[in-house]
N, C-alpha and C. Protein backbone atom coordinates (compact mmCIF):
# COMPACT_ATOMS: atom_id res chain seq x y z
N UNK A 1 28.63 106.16 57.27
CA UNK A 1 29.35 105.27 57.21
C UNK A 1 28.43 103.61 57.49
N UNK A 2 27.67 104.07 58.82
CA UNK A 2 27.21 103.15 59.34
C UNK A 2 25.60 103.06 58.60
N UNK A 3 25.37 103.72 58.13
CA UNK A 3 23.88 103.76 57.64
C UNK A 3 24.10 103.12 56.23
N UNK A 4 24.49 103.38 55.52
CA UNK A 4 25.38 102.72 54.28
C UNK A 4 25.63 100.96 54.42
N UNK A 5 26.27 100.98 55.28
CA UNK A 5 26.28 99.13 55.53
C UNK A 5 24.78 98.66 56.02
N UNK A 6 23.79 99.00 56.60
CA UNK A 6 22.96 98.68 57.30
C UNK A 6 21.91 98.85 56.54
N UNK A 7 21.71 99.66 55.60
CA UNK A 7 20.75 100.11 54.75
C UNK A 7 21.53 98.66 53.33
N UNK A 8 22.74 98.42 53.19
CA UNK A 8 23.09 97.62 51.95
C UNK A 8 22.89 95.96 52.60
N UNK A 9 22.89 96.00 54.21
CA UNK A 9 22.58 94.93 54.62
C UNK A 9 21.30 94.31 54.65
N UNK A 10 20.04 95.85 54.68
CA UNK A 10 18.91 95.02 54.55
C UNK A 10 18.65 94.62 53.38
N UNK A 11 19.18 95.48 52.26
CA UNK A 11 18.93 95.19 50.85
C UNK A 11 19.93 93.56 50.21
N UNK A 12 21.05 93.37 51.33
CA UNK A 12 20.87 92.05 50.96
C UNK A 12 20.37 91.14 51.06
N UNK A 13 19.18 90.73 52.99
CA UNK A 13 18.88 89.62 53.18
C UNK A 13 17.50 90.14 52.31
N UNK A 14 17.36 90.95 51.85
CA UNK A 14 16.18 91.05 51.31
C UNK A 14 16.18 90.52 50.30
N UNK A 15 17.57 90.32 49.32
CA UNK A 15 17.69 90.09 48.17
C UNK A 15 18.08 88.34 48.29
N UNK A 16 18.17 87.66 49.52
CA UNK A 16 18.09 86.39 49.87
C UNK A 16 17.13 85.98 50.28
N UNK A 17 15.76 86.61 50.93
CA UNK A 17 14.75 85.83 50.92
C UNK A 17 13.74 85.87 49.42
N UNK A 18 14.02 86.45 48.88
CA UNK A 18 13.57 86.35 47.59
C UNK A 18 13.98 85.90 46.95
N UNK A 19 15.11 85.42 47.21
CA UNK A 19 15.71 84.09 46.38
C UNK A 19 15.66 82.90 47.11
N UNK A 20 15.40 82.98 47.84
CA UNK A 20 15.15 81.69 48.94
C UNK A 20 13.17 81.18 48.65
N UNK A 21 13.00 82.54 48.42
CA UNK A 21 11.33 82.22 48.29
C UNK A 21 11.24 81.15 46.69
N UNK A 22 11.50 82.23 46.17
CA UNK A 22 12.02 81.48 44.47
C UNK A 22 12.36 79.86 44.91
N UNK A 23 13.76 79.76 44.83
CA UNK A 23 13.67 78.80 45.02
C UNK A 23 12.80 77.16 46.04
N UNK A 24 12.51 78.03 46.64
CA UNK A 24 11.10 76.87 47.67
C UNK A 24 9.68 76.88 46.39
N UNK A 25 9.22 77.83 45.88
CA UNK A 25 8.79 77.78 44.65
C UNK A 25 8.70 76.55 43.04
N UNK A 26 9.66 76.74 43.31
CA UNK A 26 10.25 76.70 41.52
C UNK A 26 11.57 75.68 41.11
N UNK A 27 13.00 75.57 42.61
CA UNK A 27 13.89 75.18 42.42
C UNK A 27 13.56 73.74 42.94
N UNK A 28 12.71 73.49 43.47
CA UNK A 28 12.53 71.56 43.22
C UNK A 28 10.80 71.38 42.79
N UNK A 29 10.96 70.22 41.66
CA UNK A 29 9.75 69.67 41.38
C UNK A 29 9.70 69.12 42.39
N UNK A 30 7.89 69.14 42.52
CA UNK A 30 6.91 68.30 43.56
C UNK A 30 6.42 66.91 42.90
N UNK A 31 7.02 65.70 43.26
CA UNK A 31 6.89 64.65 43.29
C UNK A 31 5.30 64.47 42.94
N UNK A 32 4.80 63.79 42.36
CA UNK A 32 3.05 63.69 41.98
C UNK A 32 3.23 62.07 41.75
N UNK A 33 2.07 61.66 42.22
CA UNK A 33 1.45 59.56 42.46
C UNK A 33 0.75 60.32 41.34
N UNK A 34 1.10 59.84 39.28
CA UNK A 34 0.69 59.53 38.29
C UNK A 34 -1.23 59.11 38.66
N UNK A 35 -1.47 58.35 39.89
CA UNK A 35 -2.57 57.47 39.45
C UNK A 35 -4.06 58.90 40.20
N UNK A 36 -3.14 60.02 41.08
CA UNK A 36 -3.94 60.86 41.69
C UNK A 36 -3.71 61.71 40.00
N UNK A 37 -3.07 62.79 39.89
CA UNK A 37 -2.76 63.53 38.64
C UNK A 37 -4.05 63.21 37.49
N UNK A 38 -3.88 61.85 37.07
CA UNK A 38 -4.72 61.80 35.91
C UNK A 38 -6.34 61.38 36.63
N UNK A 39 -6.16 60.81 37.74
CA UNK A 39 -7.63 61.17 38.33
C UNK A 39 -8.08 62.51 38.15
N UNK A 40 -7.27 63.61 38.87
CA UNK A 40 -8.21 64.92 38.39
C UNK A 40 -7.87 65.23 37.21
N UNK A 41 -7.67 64.85 36.43
CA UNK A 41 -7.50 65.32 35.11
C UNK A 41 -8.36 65.19 34.57
N UNK A 42 -8.64 63.83 34.74
CA UNK A 42 -10.06 62.80 33.77
C UNK A 42 -11.55 63.57 34.80
N UNK A 43 -11.32 64.17 35.97
CA UNK A 43 -12.41 64.53 36.69
C UNK A 43 -12.69 66.47 35.98
N UNK A 44 -11.79 67.00 35.60
CA UNK A 44 -11.45 67.99 34.98
C UNK A 44 -12.82 67.88 33.42
N UNK A 45 -12.25 67.15 32.84
CA UNK A 45 -12.76 66.78 31.46
C UNK A 45 -14.23 65.97 31.59
N UNK A 46 -14.75 66.36 30.51
CA UNK A 46 -16.08 65.49 30.24
C UNK A 46 -15.39 64.12 29.20
N UNK A 47 -15.53 62.72 29.80
CA UNK A 47 -14.90 62.08 29.05
C UNK A 47 -16.34 61.31 28.62
N UNK A 48 -16.87 61.79 28.91
CA UNK A 48 -18.38 61.18 27.49
C UNK A 48 -18.46 60.82 26.31
N UNK A 49 -18.39 59.85 25.94
CA UNK A 49 -18.15 59.69 23.98
C UNK A 49 -16.43 59.79 24.05
N UNK A 50 -15.56 59.24 24.94
CA UNK A 50 -14.75 58.81 24.91
C UNK A 50 -14.34 57.28 25.67
N UNK A 51 -13.24 56.65 24.70
CA UNK A 51 -13.10 55.26 24.82
C UNK A 51 -11.43 55.00 25.37
N UNK A 52 -11.23 54.46 26.41
CA UNK A 52 -9.40 54.51 26.61
C UNK A 52 -9.18 53.42 25.67
N UNK A 53 -7.81 53.94 25.18
CA UNK A 53 -7.17 53.58 23.95
C UNK A 53 -6.39 52.91 24.62
N UNK A 54 -5.64 51.71 24.06
CA UNK A 54 -4.45 50.63 24.53
C UNK A 54 -3.34 50.74 23.66
N UNK A 55 -2.26 49.72 23.98
CA UNK A 55 -1.08 50.39 23.06
C UNK A 55 -0.50 50.35 22.27
N UNK A 56 -1.04 49.62 21.86
CA UNK A 56 -1.34 49.62 19.96
C UNK A 56 -2.15 51.78 19.19
N UNK A 57 -3.12 51.59 20.11
CA UNK A 57 -4.06 52.98 19.50
C UNK A 57 -1.90 54.39 19.80
N UNK A 58 -1.91 53.69 21.12
CA UNK A 58 -0.87 54.58 21.07
C UNK A 58 -0.02 54.70 20.27
N UNK A 59 0.49 53.92 19.94
CA UNK A 59 1.38 53.44 18.91
C UNK A 59 0.66 54.02 17.46
N UNK A 60 -0.04 53.87 16.86
CA UNK A 60 -0.64 54.19 15.85
C UNK A 60 -0.42 56.18 15.78
N UNK A 61 -1.30 56.44 16.61
CA UNK A 61 -1.81 57.66 16.95
C UNK A 61 -0.26 58.36 16.96
N UNK A 62 0.13 58.27 17.65
CA UNK A 62 1.68 59.07 18.35
C UNK A 62 2.95 58.23 18.22
N UNK A 63 3.09 57.22 17.64
CA UNK A 63 4.40 56.78 16.86
C UNK A 63 5.32 56.42 18.76
N UNK A 64 4.29 56.03 19.69
CA UNK A 64 5.13 55.80 21.14
C UNK A 64 4.57 54.21 20.99
N UNK A 65 6.20 53.78 22.27
CA UNK A 65 6.33 52.36 22.58
C UNK A 65 5.53 52.51 24.24
N UNK A 66 4.10 52.25 24.64
CA UNK A 66 3.88 52.48 25.99
C UNK A 66 4.82 51.72 27.07
N UNK A 67 5.25 51.13 26.67
CA UNK A 67 6.12 50.28 27.85
C UNK A 67 6.83 50.90 27.53
N UNK A 68 8.10 51.93 26.85
CA UNK A 68 9.07 52.86 27.73
C UNK A 68 9.14 53.58 27.77
N UNK A 69 7.14 53.82 28.22
CA UNK A 69 7.13 55.14 29.39
C UNK A 69 6.99 54.69 30.40
N UNK A 70 7.18 55.64 31.42
CA UNK A 70 7.05 55.17 33.13
C UNK A 70 5.48 54.53 33.21
N UNK A 71 4.14 55.68 32.86
CA UNK A 71 2.77 55.38 33.28
C UNK A 71 2.52 56.49 32.32
N UNK A 72 0.95 56.00 31.47
CA UNK A 72 0.56 56.64 30.84
C UNK A 72 -0.86 55.96 30.54
N UNK A 73 -1.60 57.25 29.94
CA UNK A 73 -3.18 56.64 30.08
C UNK A 73 -4.21 57.89 28.56
N UNK A 74 -4.46 57.00 27.82
CA UNK A 74 -4.62 57.58 26.09
C UNK A 74 -6.79 57.24 26.14
N UNK A 75 -6.74 58.59 26.05
CA UNK A 75 -8.54 58.17 25.48
C UNK A 75 -8.48 59.02 24.50
N UNK A 76 -9.94 58.51 23.87
CA UNK A 76 -9.88 59.01 22.30
C UNK A 76 -11.76 58.77 21.85
N UNK A 77 -11.69 59.36 21.36
CA UNK A 77 -13.02 59.89 20.39
C UNK A 77 -14.03 57.99 20.46
N UNK A 78 -15.04 58.18 20.09
CA UNK A 78 -15.50 57.00 20.36
C UNK A 78 -16.13 56.96 18.80
N UNK A 79 -16.04 58.13 18.35
CA UNK A 79 -16.61 58.80 16.75
C UNK A 79 -15.89 58.99 16.25
N UNK A 80 -15.33 58.54 14.94
CA UNK A 80 -14.02 59.14 13.88
C UNK A 80 -14.36 60.08 13.64
N UNK A 81 -15.59 61.05 13.72
CA UNK A 81 -15.46 62.45 12.87
C UNK A 81 -15.52 63.19 14.33
N UNK A 82 -15.11 62.58 15.07
CA UNK A 82 -15.18 63.43 16.31
C UNK A 82 -13.10 63.77 17.02
N UNK A 83 -12.52 64.46 17.05
CA UNK A 83 -11.57 64.70 17.69
C UNK A 83 -10.77 64.92 19.21
N UNK A 84 -11.58 65.26 19.73
CA UNK A 84 -11.09 65.25 21.65
C UNK A 84 -10.76 64.10 21.37
N UNK A 85 -10.14 63.76 22.58
CA UNK A 85 -8.68 62.67 22.99
C UNK A 85 -7.64 63.67 24.45
N UNK A 86 -7.56 62.84 24.66
CA UNK A 86 -6.55 62.89 26.12
C UNK A 86 -5.29 62.32 26.42
N UNK A 87 -4.11 62.55 26.30
CA UNK A 87 -2.96 61.96 26.49
C UNK A 87 -2.21 62.72 27.92
N UNK A 88 -2.87 61.62 28.75
CA UNK A 88 -2.00 61.93 29.86
C UNK A 88 -0.38 60.77 30.20
N UNK A 89 1.43 61.41 30.06
CA UNK A 89 2.08 60.24 30.27
C UNK A 89 2.74 60.97 31.17
N UNK A 90 3.24 60.05 31.79
CA UNK A 90 5.13 60.40 32.87
C UNK A 90 5.61 59.31 32.56
N UNK A 91 7.26 60.09 32.49
CA UNK A 91 8.17 59.39 31.49
C UNK A 91 8.89 59.85 32.28
N UNK A 92 9.86 59.11 31.52
CA UNK A 92 11.23 58.32 32.14
C UNK A 92 12.46 59.48 31.73
N UNK A 93 11.85 60.57 31.56
CA UNK A 93 13.38 61.44 31.87
C UNK A 93 12.17 62.93 30.49
N UNK A 94 13.06 63.87 30.77
CA UNK A 94 12.83 65.21 30.68
C UNK A 94 12.71 64.68 29.30
N UNK A 95 13.91 64.20 28.22
CA UNK A 95 13.43 64.23 27.34
C UNK A 95 12.92 63.34 26.67
N UNK A 96 12.58 62.24 26.70
CA UNK A 96 11.54 61.21 26.92
C UNK A 96 10.48 62.46 26.36
N UNK A 97 10.10 63.42 27.71
CA UNK A 97 8.47 64.19 28.02
C UNK A 97 9.08 65.00 26.17
N UNK A 98 9.93 65.51 26.35
CA UNK A 98 9.63 66.22 24.68
C UNK A 98 9.80 65.76 23.33
N UNK A 99 9.45 64.22 23.18
CA UNK A 99 9.56 63.54 22.43
C UNK A 99 7.87 62.83 22.31
N UNK A 100 6.91 63.42 23.59
CA UNK A 100 6.07 62.90 24.02
C UNK A 100 5.20 63.53 23.49
N UNK A 101 5.63 65.33 23.82
CA UNK A 101 5.12 66.48 22.98
C UNK A 101 5.40 66.37 21.83
N UNK A 102 6.98 66.19 21.22
CA UNK A 102 6.24 66.04 19.79
C UNK A 102 5.22 65.55 18.96
N UNK A 103 5.37 64.48 19.70
CA UNK A 103 4.45 63.25 18.95
C UNK A 103 2.82 64.18 19.06
N UNK A 104 2.80 64.22 20.02
CA UNK A 104 1.51 65.05 20.12
C UNK A 104 0.48 66.45 19.21
N UNK A 105 2.26 67.02 18.84
CA UNK A 105 2.37 68.22 18.70
C UNK A 105 2.02 67.78 17.03
N UNK A 106 2.86 66.73 16.50
CA UNK A 106 2.17 65.58 15.02
C UNK A 106 1.00 65.11 14.98
N UNK A 107 0.35 64.48 16.40
CA UNK A 107 -1.00 64.37 16.09
C UNK A 107 -2.20 65.52 16.01
N UNK A 108 -1.48 66.41 16.50
CA UNK A 108 -2.51 67.67 15.74
C UNK A 108 -2.33 68.52 14.66
N UNK A 109 -1.70 67.88 13.99
CA UNK A 109 -0.54 68.65 12.74
C UNK A 109 -1.49 67.36 11.43
N UNK A 110 -1.53 66.04 11.85
CA UNK A 110 -2.44 64.94 11.29
C UNK A 110 -3.89 65.40 11.28
N UNK A 111 -4.29 65.49 12.70
CA UNK A 111 -6.06 65.65 12.40
C UNK A 111 -6.30 66.69 11.95
N UNK A 112 -5.50 67.91 12.20
CA UNK A 112 -5.86 68.95 11.29
C UNK A 112 -6.64 68.76 9.42
N UNK A 113 -5.29 68.41 9.53
CA UNK A 113 -5.35 68.05 7.97
C UNK A 113 -6.48 66.59 7.43
N UNK A 114 -6.62 66.19 8.33
CA UNK A 114 -7.65 65.47 8.53
C UNK A 114 -8.88 66.26 8.10
N UNK A 115 -9.14 66.61 9.03
CA UNK A 115 -10.77 67.36 9.55
C UNK A 115 -10.72 68.82 7.89
N UNK A 116 -9.74 69.05 6.93
CA UNK A 116 -9.12 70.73 6.85
C UNK A 116 -10.58 71.01 5.54
N UNK A 117 -11.23 71.75 5.69
CA UNK A 117 -12.18 71.69 4.37
C UNK A 117 -13.54 71.73 5.34
N UNK A 118 -14.05 70.51 5.86
CA UNK A 118 -14.75 70.06 6.52
C UNK A 118 -15.05 70.25 7.52
N UNK A 119 -14.40 69.80 8.74
CA UNK A 119 -14.80 69.49 10.17
C UNK A 119 -14.64 71.05 10.80
N UNK A 120 -14.55 72.44 10.60
CA UNK A 120 -14.44 73.56 11.04
C UNK A 120 -14.83 73.71 12.48
N UNK A 121 -15.53 73.01 13.38
CA UNK A 121 -15.80 72.72 14.60
C UNK A 121 -14.32 72.01 15.31
N UNK A 122 -14.12 70.65 14.17
CA UNK A 122 -13.18 70.24 14.97
C UNK A 122 -11.98 70.55 14.71
N UNK A 123 -11.78 71.56 13.90
CA UNK A 123 -10.64 71.90 13.64
C UNK A 123 -10.11 72.84 14.48
N UNK A 124 -11.66 73.80 15.01
CA UNK A 124 -11.04 74.66 15.88
C UNK A 124 -10.61 74.11 17.77
N UNK A 125 -11.30 73.08 17.79
CA UNK A 125 -10.88 71.77 19.23
C UNK A 125 -9.22 71.41 18.96
N UNK A 126 -9.20 71.59 17.90
CA UNK A 126 -7.06 71.35 17.68
C UNK A 126 -6.42 72.52 17.71
N UNK A 127 -7.00 73.58 17.55
CA UNK A 127 -6.63 75.20 17.57
C UNK A 127 -6.64 75.49 18.97
N UNK A 128 -7.99 74.76 19.67
CA UNK A 128 -7.34 74.97 20.90
C UNK A 128 -6.62 74.34 21.94
N UNK A 129 -6.23 73.01 21.48
CA UNK A 129 -6.10 71.68 22.39
C UNK A 129 -5.16 72.55 23.00
N UNK A 130 -4.53 71.79 23.94
CA UNK A 130 -3.31 71.91 25.30
C UNK A 130 -2.06 70.62 25.11
N UNK A 131 -0.58 71.60 25.20
CA UNK A 131 0.26 70.32 25.26
C UNK A 131 0.71 71.30 25.83
N UNK A 132 0.93 70.60 27.09
CA UNK A 132 1.65 71.02 28.22
C UNK A 132 2.38 69.71 28.63
N UNK A 133 3.91 70.20 29.23
CA UNK A 133 4.91 69.68 30.19
C UNK A 133 5.36 70.29 31.07
N UNK A 134 5.63 69.50 32.30
CA UNK A 134 5.97 69.86 33.54
C UNK A 134 7.10 68.82 34.16
N UNK A 135 8.17 68.85 33.61
CA UNK A 135 9.13 67.89 34.17
C UNK A 135 8.88 66.77 33.38
N UNK A 136 8.30 65.27 33.70
CA UNK A 136 8.72 64.00 33.03
C UNK A 136 7.16 63.88 32.81
N UNK A 137 6.07 64.88 33.07
CA UNK A 137 5.52 64.68 32.53
C UNK A 137 4.15 65.14 31.79
N UNK A 138 3.58 64.78 30.74
CA UNK A 138 3.00 65.09 29.65
C UNK A 138 1.42 65.11 28.86
N UNK A 139 0.65 66.16 29.36
CA UNK A 139 -0.54 66.46 29.47
C UNK A 139 -1.10 66.59 27.63
N UNK A 140 -1.78 65.96 26.93
CA UNK A 140 -2.52 66.68 25.27
C UNK A 140 -3.83 66.45 25.67
N UNK A 141 -4.30 67.19 25.52
CA UNK A 141 -6.12 67.74 25.30
C UNK A 141 -6.36 68.15 24.52
N UNK A 142 -8.33 67.89 23.60
CA UNK A 142 -8.00 67.57 22.84
C UNK A 142 -9.49 68.00 23.33
N UNK A 143 -10.78 68.87 23.76
CA UNK A 143 -12.02 69.40 23.88
C UNK A 143 -11.95 70.70 24.52
N UNK A 144 -12.88 70.96 24.58
CA UNK A 144 -14.85 71.59 25.43
C UNK A 144 -13.38 72.47 26.08
N UNK A 145 -12.82 71.35 26.81
CA UNK A 145 -12.83 71.76 28.29
C UNK A 145 -11.15 71.69 29.10
N UNK A 146 -10.59 71.97 27.94
CA UNK A 146 -9.12 72.18 27.70
C UNK A 146 -8.36 72.73 29.06
N UNK A 147 -9.43 73.84 29.18
CA UNK A 147 -9.18 74.39 30.62
C UNK A 147 -8.55 74.10 31.88
N UNK A 148 -9.91 73.60 32.53
CA UNK A 148 -10.23 72.64 32.84
C UNK A 148 -9.13 71.46 33.08
N UNK A 149 -9.17 71.20 32.00
CA UNK A 149 -7.63 69.85 32.37
C UNK A 149 -6.38 70.53 32.74
N UNK A 150 -6.01 71.81 31.92
CA UNK A 150 -4.53 72.01 32.06
C UNK A 150 -4.65 72.73 33.17
N UNK A 151 -5.89 73.02 34.19
CA UNK A 151 -6.21 73.85 35.35
C UNK A 151 -5.54 72.80 36.47
N UNK A 152 -6.67 71.23 36.50
CA UNK A 152 -5.67 70.33 36.76
C UNK A 152 -4.35 69.85 36.53
N UNK A 153 -4.30 69.97 35.93
CA UNK A 153 -2.39 69.51 35.86
C UNK A 153 -1.42 70.19 36.36
N UNK A 154 -2.03 71.25 35.65
CA UNK A 154 -1.55 72.71 36.73
C UNK A 154 -1.10 72.56 38.18
N UNK A 155 -2.23 72.55 38.77
CA UNK A 155 -2.44 72.59 40.30
C UNK A 155 -1.61 71.80 41.01
N UNK A 156 -1.49 69.91 40.44
CA UNK A 156 -0.59 68.98 40.51
C UNK A 156 0.69 69.51 40.68
N UNK A 157 1.31 70.36 40.28
CA UNK A 157 2.68 70.77 40.58
C UNK A 157 3.05 71.65 40.90
N UNK A 158 2.40 72.71 41.71
CA UNK A 158 2.00 73.58 42.08
C UNK A 158 2.91 72.60 44.33
N UNK A 159 3.54 73.19 44.27
CA UNK A 159 4.42 73.39 45.80
C UNK A 159 3.13 73.42 46.85
N UNK A 160 3.61 72.51 47.69
CA UNK A 160 2.59 72.85 48.62
C UNK A 160 3.90 72.93 49.78
N UNK A 161 3.37 74.66 50.47
CA UNK A 161 4.44 74.98 51.25
C UNK A 161 4.45 74.28 52.57
N UNK A 162 2.85 74.92 53.07
CA UNK A 162 2.75 74.36 54.78
C UNK A 162 1.53 73.50 54.41
N UNK A 163 1.82 72.22 55.22
CA UNK A 163 0.52 70.66 55.32
C UNK A 163 -0.38 71.59 56.02
């Protein structure tokens, strides 16, 4: 009887430790400084050939009002025959982040239609594009360096257990 209770207590403690570890890693979102996030993602991508977009371009390409977002940055291709793009947004809510994600998906579909039939390399970049949300933050990247941009974005949200 005593052995059964001891084994049960050990299992309970192991489960409790596992739950606590999971809560530490996933339970609370890490607060991210948007300017640092932006810099990390920009360093991960080659932005040569891109120009910084303004609120008018954000509205034209995505149907989004920049003033309604907490913060954002947009980089678009200087050449009309290129699809490279970077949108990084900090939203006021997760619902707004979902709207930004949907706008990015619509942008991909529009660009695919624009380049269908003759811009095979451009369509491949669009197929490989990254749209990722983390809480109130959204990353949309169309580039040969999407993996690096995604990794920089994800790294910003990894909880730091020990400083």
